[in-house]
């Protein structure tokens, strides 16, 4: 699974209109457990990055997901997104 995530990240960081959509799809993948383990922390992280990149849909999905997460998990997701944004 990590191999696909890396490929998706590489494609998304190339820029263009599809950038936010790629991150949003990654978030949905983790939120649904599609081809990967269900992981709300990772889902929130990627939806957050997509929202920062301009995806309104990702912002709405992120807000819905946050309602079902613990404060600890939410803090971890926010920290992970911040770290990723700092590095990329």
PDB file of N, CA and C in Angstrom:
ATOM      1  N   UNK A   1       0.813  -1.187   0.000  1.00  0.00           N
ATOM      2  CA  UNK A   1       0.000   0.000   0.000  1.00  0.00           C
ATOM      3  C   UNK A   1       0.856   1.251   0.000  1.00  0.00           C
ATOM      4  N   UNK A   2       1.923   1.251   0.754  1.00  0.00           N
ATOM      5  CA  UNK A   2       2.772   2.443   0.824  1.00  0.00           C
ATOM      6  C   UNK A   2       3.281   2.828  -0.552  1.00  0.00           C
ATOM      7  N   UNK A   3       3.513   1.848  -1.399  1.00  0.00           N
ATOM      8  CA  UNK A   3       3.990   2.126  -2.748  1.00  0.00           C
ATOM      9  C   UNK A   3       2.991   2.988  -3.512  1.00  0.00           C
ATOM     10  N   UNK A   4       1.693   2.690  -3.396  1.00  0.00           N
ATOM     11  CA  UNK A   4       0.671   3.477  -4.086  1.00  0.00           C
ATOM     12  C   UNK A   4       0.554   4.868  -3.493  1.00  0.00           C
ATOM     13  N   UNK A   5       0.675   4.963  -2.172  1.00  0.00           N
ATOM     14  CA  UNK A   5       0.599   6.273  -1.520  1.00  0.00           C
ATOM     15  C   UNK A   5       1.746   7.156  -2.000  1.00  0.00           C
ATOM     16  N   UNK A   6       2.927   6.600  -2.109  1.00  0.00           N
ATOM     17  CA  UNK A   6       4.080   7.370  -2.578  1.00  0.00           C
ATOM     18  C   UNK A   6       3.854   7.832  -4.012  1.00  0.00           C
ATOM     19  N   UNK A   7       3.355   6.955  -4.865  1.00  0.00           N
ATOM     20  CA  UNK A   7       3.081   7.334  -6.246  1.00  0.00           C
ATOM     21  C   UNK A   7       2.043   8.452  -6.292  1.00  0.00           C
ATOM     22  N   UNK A   8       0.961   8.323  -5.515  1.00  0.00           N
ATOM     23  CA  UNK A   8      -0.070   9.353  -5.483  1.00  0.00           C
ATOM     24  C   UNK A   8       0.505  10.682  -4.994  1.00  0.00           C
ATOM     25  N   UNK A   9       1.353  10.654  -3.988  1.00  0.00           N
ATOM     26  CA  UNK A   9       1.973  11.882  -3.481  1.00  0.00           C
ATOM     27  C   UNK A   9       2.837  12.520  -4.564  1.00  0.00           C
ATOM     28  N   UNK A  10       3.595  11.700  -5.276  1.00  0.00           N
ATOM     29  CA  UNK A  10       4.467  12.232  -6.326  1.00  0.00           C
ATOM     30  C   UNK A  10       3.640  12.881  -7.425  1.00  0.00           C
ATOM     31  N   UNK A  11       2.551  12.245  -7.813  1.00  0.00           N
ATOM     32  CA  UNK A  11       1.689  12.813  -8.847  1.00  0.00           C
ATOM     33  C   UNK A  11       1.060  14.112  -8.377  1.00  0.00           C
ATOM     34  N   UNK A  12       0.620  14.135  -7.121  1.00  0.00           N
ATOM     35  CA  UNK A  12      -0.058  15.321  -6.600  1.00  0.00           C
ATOM     36  C   UNK A  12       0.893  16.499  -6.455  1.00  0.00           C
ATOM     37  N   UNK A  13       2.114  16.242  -6.049  1.00  0.00           N
ATOM     38  CA  UNK A  13       3.046  17.347  -5.858  1.00  0.00           C
ATOM     39  C   UNK A  13       3.577  17.889  -7.169  1.00  0.00           C
ATOM     40  N   UNK A  14       3.252  17.228  -8.268  1.00  0.00           N
ATOM     41  CA  UNK A  14       3.650  17.735  -9.577  1.00  0.00           C
ATOM     42  C   UNK A  14       2.855  18.993  -9.929  1.00  0.00           C
ATOM     43  N   UNK A  15       1.766  19.225  -9.222  1.00  0.00           N
ATOM     44  CA  UNK A  15       0.987  20.433  -9.443  1.00  0.00           C
ATOM     45  C   UNK A  15      -0.158  20.209 -10.393  1.00  0.00           C
ATOM     46  N   UNK A  16      -0.771  21.298 -10.775  1.00  0.00           N
ATOM     47  CA  UNK A  16      -1.891  21.216 -11.684  1.00  0.00           C
ATOM     48  C   UNK A  16      -3.210  21.174 -10.943  1.00  0.00           C
ATOM     49  N   UNK A  17      -4.268  21.166 -11.725  1.00  0.00           N
ATOM     50  CA  UNK A  17      -5.622  21.229 -11.179  1.00  0.00           C
ATOM     51  C   UNK A  17      -5.996  19.995 -10.374  1.00  0.00           C
ATOM     52  N   UNK A  18      -5.448  18.840 -10.729  1.00  0.00           N
ATOM     53  CA  UNK A  18      -5.814  17.593 -10.072  1.00  0.00           C
ATOM     54  C   UNK A  18      -5.116  17.385  -8.732  1.00  0.00           C
ATOM     55  N   UNK A  19      -4.234  18.281  -8.355  1.00  0.00           N
ATOM     56  CA  UNK A  19      -3.458  18.116  -7.120  1.00  0.00           C
ATOM     57  C   UNK A  19      -4.353  17.877  -5.905  1.00  0.00           C
ATOM     58  N   UNK A  20      -5.279  18.765  -5.627  1.00  0.00           N
ATOM     59  CA  UNK A  20      -6.150  18.625  -4.460  1.00  0.00           C
ATOM     60  C   UNK A  20      -7.034  17.389  -4.575  1.00  0.00           C
ATOM     61  N   UNK A  21      -7.472  17.082  -5.795  1.00  0.00           N
ATOM     62  CA  UNK A  21      -8.318  15.907  -6.002  1.00  0.00           C
ATOM     63  C   UNK A  21      -7.577  14.621  -5.665  1.00  0.00           C
ATOM     64  N   UNK A  22      -6.294  14.560  -5.983  1.00  0.00           N
ATOM     65  CA  UNK A  22      -5.500  13.378  -5.681  1.00  0.00           C
ATOM     66  C   UNK A  22      -5.406  13.174  -4.174  1.00  0.00           C
ATOM     67  N   UNK A  23      -5.149  14.246  -3.431  1.00  0.00           N
ATOM     68  CA  UNK A  23      -5.084  14.138  -1.977  1.00  0.00           C
ATOM     69  C   UNK A  23      -6.441  13.782  -1.385  1.00  0.00           C
ATOM     70  N   UNK A  24      -7.498  14.332  -1.953  1.00  0.00           N
ATOM     71  CA  UNK A  24      -8.849  14.012  -1.488  1.00  0.00           C
ATOM     72  C   UNK A  24      -9.138  12.527  -1.689  1.00  0.00           C
ATOM     73  N   UNK A  25      -8.781  12.001  -2.841  1.00  0.00           N
ATOM     74  CA  UNK A  25      -8.981  10.573  -3.109  1.00  0.00           C
ATOM     75  C   UNK A  25      -8.186   9.704  -2.140  1.00  0.00           C
ATOM     76  N   UNK A  26      -6.992  10.147  -1.792  1.00  0.00           N
ATOM     77  CA  UNK A  26      -6.193   9.401  -0.813  1.00  0.00           C
ATOM     78  C   UNK A  26      -6.905   9.382   0.536  1.00  0.00           C
ATOM     79  N   UNK A  27      -7.467  10.530   0.926  1.00  0.00           N
ATOM     80  CA  UNK A  27      -8.220  10.593   2.170  1.00  0.00           C
ATOM     81  C   UNK A  27      -9.421   9.669   2.154  1.00  0.00           C
ATOM     82  N   UNK A  28     -10.148   9.660   1.055  1.00  0.00           N
ATOM     83  CA  UNK A  28     -11.311   8.782   0.929  1.00  0.00           C
ATOM     84  C   UNK A  28     -10.906   7.319   0.955  1.00  0.00           C
ATOM     85  N   UNK A  29      -9.758   7.011   0.362  1.00  0.00           N
ATOM     86  CA  UNK A  29      -9.255   5.646   0.355  1.00  0.00           C
ATOM     87  C   UNK A  29      -9.065   5.141   1.789  1.00  0.00           C
ATOM     88  N   UNK A  30      -8.423   5.948   2.625  1.00  0.00           N
ATOM     89  CA  UNK A  30      -8.199   5.549   4.016  1.00  0.00           C
ATOM     90  C   UNK A  30      -9.485   5.574   4.837  1.00  0.00           C
ATOM     91  N   UNK A  31     -10.373   6.512   4.552  1.00  0.00           N
ATOM     92  CA  UNK A  31     -11.632   6.605   5.302  1.00  0.00           C
ATOM     93  C   UNK A  31     -12.531   5.398   5.054  1.00  0.00           C
ATOM     94  N   UNK A  32     -12.445   4.848   3.844  1.00  0.00           N
ATOM     95  CA  UNK A  32     -13.282   3.704   3.487  1.00  0.00           C
ATOM     96  C   UNK A  32     -12.559   2.371   3.620  1.00  0.00           C
ATOM     97  N   UNK A  33     -11.247   2.422   3.833  1.00  0.00           N
ATOM     98  CA  UNK A  33     -10.475   1.188   3.889  1.00  0.00           C
ATOM     99  C   UNK A  33     -10.407   0.518   2.528  1.00  0.00           C
ATOM    100  N   UNK A  34     -10.361   1.326   1.486  1.00  0.00           N
ATOM    101  CA  UNK A  34     -10.345   0.829   0.108  1.00  0.00           C
ATOM    102  C   UNK A  34      -8.898   0.509  -0.289  1.00  0.00           C
ATOM    103  N   UNK A  35      -8.601  -0.775  -0.453  1.00  0.00           N
ATOM    104  CA  UNK A  35      -7.259  -1.249  -0.819  1.00  0.00           C
ATOM    105  C   UNK A  35      -6.204  -0.938   0.241  1.00  0.00           C
ATOM    106  N   UNK A  36      -6.639  -0.685   1.461  1.00  0.00           N
ATOM    107  CA  UNK A  36      -5.731  -0.390   2.568  1.00  0.00           C
ATOM    108  C   UNK A  36      -6.499  -0.566   3.877  1.00  0.00           C
ATOM    109  N   UNK A  37      -5.799  -0.623   4.996  1.00  0.00           N
ATOM    110  CA  UNK A  37      -6.508  -0.691   6.269  1.00  0.00           C
ATOM    111  C   UNK A  37      -7.279   0.608   6.526  1.00  0.00           C
ATOM    112  N   UNK A  38      -8.415   0.499   7.180  1.00  0.00           N
ATOM    113  CA  UNK A  38      -9.189   1.664   7.592  1.00  0.00           C
ATOM    114  C   UNK A  38      -8.337   2.488   8.558  1.00  0.00           C
ATOM    115  N   UNK A  39      -8.158   3.765   8.284  1.00  0.00           N
ATOM    116  CA  UNK A  39      -7.281   4.603   9.103  1.00  0.00           C
ATOM    117  C   UNK A  39      -7.794   6.041   9.070  1.00  0.00           C
ATOM    118  N   UNK A  40      -8.553   6.423  10.097  1.00  0.00           N
ATOM    119  CA  UNK A  40      -9.149   7.760  10.138  1.00  0.00           C
ATOM    120  C   UNK A  40      -8.104   8.852  10.313  1.00  0.00           C
ATOM    121  N   UNK A  41      -7.006   8.542  10.983  1.00  0.00           N
ATOM    122  CA  UNK A  41      -5.943   9.539  11.158  1.00  0.00           C
ATOM    123  C   UNK A  41      -5.334   9.877   9.791  1.00  0.00           C
ATOM    124  N   UNK A  42      -4.995   8.859   9.024  1.00  0.00           N
ATOM    125  CA  UNK A  42      -4.443   9.089   7.689  1.00  0.00           C
ATOM    126  C   UNK A  42      -5.479   9.746   6.781  1.00  0.00           C
ATOM    127  N   UNK A  43      -6.739   9.326   6.901  1.00  0.00           N
ATOM    128  CA  UNK A  43      -7.797   9.921   6.085  1.00  0.00           C
ATOM    129  C   UNK A  43      -7.918  11.412   6.363  1.00  0.00           C
ATOM    130  N   UNK A  44      -7.929  11.787   7.625  1.00  0.00           N
ATOM    131  CA  UNK A  44      -8.042  13.194   7.989  1.00  0.00           C
ATOM    132  C   UNK A  44      -6.827  13.971   7.493  1.00  0.00           C
ATOM    133  N   UNK A  45      -5.662  13.383   7.642  1.00  0.00           N
ATOM    134  CA  UNK A  45      -4.428  14.031   7.178  1.00  0.00           C
ATOM    135  C   UNK A  45      -4.539  14.403   5.699  1.00  0.00           C
ATOM    136  N   UNK A  46      -4.891  13.426   4.846  1.00  0.00           N
ATOM    137  CA  UNK A  46      -4.939  13.685   3.408  1.00  0.00           C
ATOM    138  C   UNK A  46      -6.093  14.601   3.024  1.00  0.00           C
ATOM    139  N   UNK A  47      -7.226  14.481   3.725  1.00  0.00           N
ATOM    140  CA  UNK A  47      -8.337  15.399   3.454  1.00  0.00           C
ATOM    141  C   UNK A  47      -7.960  16.816   3.861  1.00  0.00           C
ATOM    142  N   UNK A  48      -7.226  16.941   4.948  1.00  0.00           N
ATOM    143  CA  UNK A  48      -6.769  18.247   5.404  1.00  0.00           C
ATOM    144  C   UNK A  48      -5.831  18.878   4.372  1.00  0.00           C
ATOM    145  N   UNK A  49      -4.902  18.100   3.866  1.00  0.00           N
ATOM    146  CA  UNK A  49      -3.976  18.608   2.851  1.00  0.00           C
ATOM    147  C   UNK A  49      -4.741  19.004   1.592  1.00  0.00           C
ATOM    148  N   UNK A  50      -5.710  18.181   1.192  1.00  0.00           N
ATOM    149  CA  UNK A  50      -6.528  18.510   0.022  1.00  0.00           C
ATOM    150  C   UNK A  50      -7.294  19.812   0.236  1.00  0.00           C
ATOM    151  N   UNK A  51      -7.829  19.991   1.446  1.00  0.00           N
ATOM    152  CA  UNK A  51      -8.563  21.221   1.752  1.00  0.00           C
ATOM    153  C   UNK A  51      -7.636  22.430   1.700  1.00  0.00           C
ATOM    154  N   UNK A  52      -6.431  22.278   2.227  1.00  0.00           N
ATOM    155  CA  UNK A  52      -5.448  23.363   2.178  1.00  0.00           C
ATOM    156  C   UNK A  52      -5.107  23.704   0.731  1.00  0.00           C
ATOM    157  N   UNK A  53      -5.092  22.689  -0.130  1.00  0.00           N
ATOM    158  CA  UNK A  53      -4.786  22.894  -1.540  1.00  0.00           C
ATOM    159  C   UNK A  53      -5.980  23.431  -2.333  1.00  0.00           C
ATOM    160  N   UNK A  54      -7.127  23.588  -1.647  1.00  0.00           N
ATOM    161  CA  UNK A  54      -8.261  24.237  -2.295  1.00  0.00           C
ATOM    162  C   UNK A  54      -9.496  23.394  -2.546  1.00  0.00           C
ATOM    163  N   UNK A  55      -9.555  22.172  -2.061  1.00  0.00           N
ATOM    164  CA  UNK A  55     -10.713  21.314  -2.300  1.00  0.00           C
ATOM    165  C   UNK A  55     -11.803  21.562  -1.255  1.00  0.00           C
ATOM    166  N   UNK A  56     -12.908  22.135  -1.690  1.00  0.00           N
ATOM    167  CA  UNK A  56     -14.047  22.366  -0.797  1.00  0.00           C
ATOM    168  C   UNK A  56     -14.654  21.035  -0.351  1.00  0.00           C
ATOM    169  N   UNK A  57     -14.720  20.084  -1.281  1.00  0.00           N
ATOM    170  CA  UNK A  57     -15.252  18.758  -0.950  1.00  0.00           C
ATOM    171  C   UNK A  57     -14.444  18.117   0.173  1.00  0.00           C
ATOM    172  N   UNK A  58     -13.122  18.201   0.073  1.00  0.00           N
ATOM    173  CA  UNK A  58     -12.253  17.630   1.108  1.00  0.00           C
ATOM    174  C   UNK A  58     -12.480  18.322   2.438  1.00  0.00           C
ATOM    175  N   UNK A  59     -12.680  19.625   2.428  1.00  0.00           N
ATOM    176  CA  UNK A  59     -12.923  20.363   3.673  1.00  0.00           C
ATOM    177  C   UNK A  59     -14.198  19.873   4.345  1.00  0.00           C
ATOM    178  N   UNK A  60     -15.232  19.627   3.555  1.00  0.00           N
ATOM    179  CA  UNK A  60     -16.498  19.131   4.115  1.00  0.00           C
ATOM    180  C   UNK A  60     -16.348  17.715   4.650  1.00  0.00           C
ATOM    181  N   UNK A  61     -15.672  16.860   3.901  1.00  0.00           N
ATOM    182  CA  UNK A  61     -15.449  15.482   4.348  1.00  0.00           C
ATOM    183  C   UNK A  61     -14.583  15.437   5.599  1.00  0.00           C
ATOM    184  N   UNK A  62     -13.580  16.302   5.640  1.00  0.00           N
ATOM    185  CA  UNK A  62     -12.691  16.388   6.805  1.00  0.00           C
ATOM    186  C   UNK A  62     -13.485  16.767   8.049  1.00  0.00           C
ATOM    187  N   UNK A  63     -14.368  17.736   7.924  1.00  0.00           N
ATOM    188  CA  UNK A  63     -15.182  18.168   9.058  1.00  0.00           C
ATOM    189  C   UNK A  63     -16.092  17.043   9.545  1.00  0.00           C
ATOM    190  N   UNK A  64     -16.699  16.318   8.621  1.00  0.00           N
ATOM    191  CA  UNK A  64     -17.553  15.183   8.998  1.00  0.00           C
ATOM    192  C   UNK A  64     -16.749  14.104   9.700  1.00  0.00           C
ATOM    193  N   UNK A  65     -15.580  13.806   9.170  1.00  0.00           N
ATOM    194  CA  UNK A  65     -14.728  12.771   9.755  1.00  0.00           C
ATOM    195  C   UNK A  65     -14.268  13.160  11.157  1.00  0.00           C
ATOM    196  N   UNK A  66     -13.937  14.415  11.345  1.00  0.00           N
ATOM    197  CA  UNK A  66     -13.442  14.891  12.643  1.00  0.00           C
ATOM    198  C   UNK A  66     -14.460  14.664  13.753  1.00  0.00           C
ATOM    199  N   UNK A  67     -15.748  14.686  13.424  1.00  0.00           N
ATOM    200  CA  UNK A  67     -16.790  14.481  14.432  1.00  0.00           C
ATOM    201  C   UNK A  67     -16.739  13.086  15.053  1.00  0.00           C
ATOM    202  N   UNK A  68     -16.194  12.116  14.310  1.00  0.00           N
ATOM    203  CA  UNK A  68     -16.147  10.746  14.813  1.00  0.00           C
ATOM    204  C   UNK A  68     -14.773  10.358  15.358  1.00  0.00           C
ATOM    205  N   UNK A  69     -13.856  11.313  15.430  1.00  0.00           N
ATOM    206  CA  UNK A  69     -12.498  11.020  15.890  1.00  0.00           C
ATOM    207  C   UNK A  69     -12.287  11.497  17.323  1.00  0.00           C
ATOM    208  N   UNK A  70     -11.405  10.799  18.029  1.00  0.00           N
ATOM    209  CA  UNK A  70     -11.035  11.252  19.371  1.00  0.00           C
ATOM    210  C   UNK A  70     -10.136  12.484  19.247  1.00  0.00           C
ATOM    211  N   UNK A  71     -10.033  13.232  20.318  1.00  0.00           N
ATOM    212  CA  UNK A  71      -9.167  14.422  20.301  1.00  0.00           C
ATOM    213  C   UNK A  71      -7.711  14.035  20.064  1.00  0.00           C
ATOM    214  N   UNK A  72      -7.301  12.908  20.610  1.00  0.00           N
ATOM    215  CA  UNK A  72      -5.930  12.432  20.429  1.00  0.00           C
ATOM    216  C   UNK A  72      -5.660  12.095  18.967  1.00  0.00           C
ATOM    217  N   UNK A  73      -6.585  11.371  18.343  1.00  0.00           N
ATOM    218  CA  UNK A  73      -6.415  11.017  16.932  1.00  0.00           C
ATOM    219  C   UNK A  73      -6.454  12.253  16.046  1.00  0.00           C
ATOM    220  N   UNK A  74      -7.334  13.181  16.363  1.00  0.00           N
ATOM    221  CA  UNK A  74      -7.429  14.408  15.587  1.00  0.00           C
ATOM    222  C   UNK A  74      -6.126  15.211  15.677  1.00  0.00           C
ATOM    223  N   UNK A  75      -5.580  15.301  16.875  1.00  0.00           N
ATOM    224  CA  UNK A  75      -4.314  16.018  17.058  1.00  0.00           C
ATOM    225  C   UNK A  75      -3.197  15.343  16.272  1.00  0.00           C
ATOM    226  N   UNK A  76      -3.181  14.007  16.281  1.00  0.00           N
ATOM    227  CA  UNK A  76      -2.163  13.274  15.524  1.00  0.00           C
ATOM    228  C   UNK A  76      -2.303  13.533  14.023  1.00  0.00           C
ATOM    229  N   UNK A  77      -3.528  13.550  13.519  1.00  0.00           N
ATOM    230  CA  UNK A  77      -3.769  13.800  12.098  1.00  0.00           C
ATOM    231  C   UNK A  77      -3.333  15.208  11.710  1.00  0.00           C
ATOM    232  N   UNK A  78      -3.649  16.180  12.537  1.00  0.00           N
ATOM    233  CA  UNK A  78      -3.264  17.565  12.252  1.00  0.00           C
ATOM    234  C   UNK A  78      -1.751  17.728  12.269  1.00  0.00           C
ATOM    235  N   UNK A  79      -1.104  17.085  13.230  1.00  0.00           N
ATOM    236  CA  UNK A  79       0.350  17.141  13.327  1.00  0.00           C
ATOM    237  C   UNK A  79       0.996  16.490  12.087  1.00  0.00           C
ATOM    238  N   UNK A  80       0.449  15.367  11.684  1.00  0.00           N
ATOM    239  CA  UNK A  80       0.983  14.654  10.526  1.00  0.00           C
ATOM    240  C   UNK A  80       0.822  15.484   9.248  1.00  0.00           C
ATOM    241  N   UNK A  81      -0.316  16.128   9.083  1.00  0.00           N
ATOM    242  CA  UNK A  81      -0.537  16.984   7.904  1.00  0.00           C
ATOM    243  C   UNK A  81       0.410  18.178   7.921  1.00  0.00           C
ATOM    244  N   UNK A  82       0.600  18.763   9.085  1.00  0.00           N
ATOM    245  CA  UNK A  82       1.500  19.913   9.213  1.00  0.00           C
ATOM    246  C   UNK A  82       2.930  19.495   8.860  1.00  0.00           C
ATOM    247  N   UNK A  83       3.362  18.342   9.357  1.00  0.00           N
ATOM    248  CA  UNK A  83       4.705  17.840   9.049  1.00  0.00           C
ATOM    249  C   UNK A  83       4.862  17.608   7.550  1.00  0.00           C
ATOM    250  N   UNK A  84       3.841  17.000   6.935  1.00  0.00           N
ATOM    251  CA  UNK A  84       3.915  16.729   5.510  1.00  0.00           C
ATOM    252  C   UNK A  84       4.002  18.035   4.713  1.00  0.00           C
ATOM    253  N   UNK A  85       3.189  19.009   5.088  1.00  0.00           N
ATOM    254  CA  UNK A  85       3.178  20.288   4.382  1.00  0.00           C
ATOM    255  C   UNK A  85       4.519  21.000   4.545  1.00  0.00           C
ATOM    256  N   UNK A  86       5.146  20.858   5.688  1.00  0.00           N
ATOM    257  CA  UNK A  86       6.446  21.486   5.934  1.00  0.00           C
ATOM    258  C   UNK A  86       7.527  20.872   5.043  1.00  0.00           C
ATOM    259  N   UNK A  87       7.429  19.562   4.834  1.00  0.00           N
ATOM    260  CA  UNK A  87       8.436  18.862   4.039  1.00  0.00           C
ATOM    261  C   UNK A  87       8.212  18.976   2.534  1.00  0.00           C
ATOM    262  N   UNK A  88       6.986  19.296   2.116  1.00  0.00           N
ATOM    263  CA  UNK A  88       6.695  19.324   0.678  1.00  0.00           C
ATOM    264  C   UNK A  88       6.288  20.709   0.320  1.00  0.00           C
TER     265      UNK A  88
END
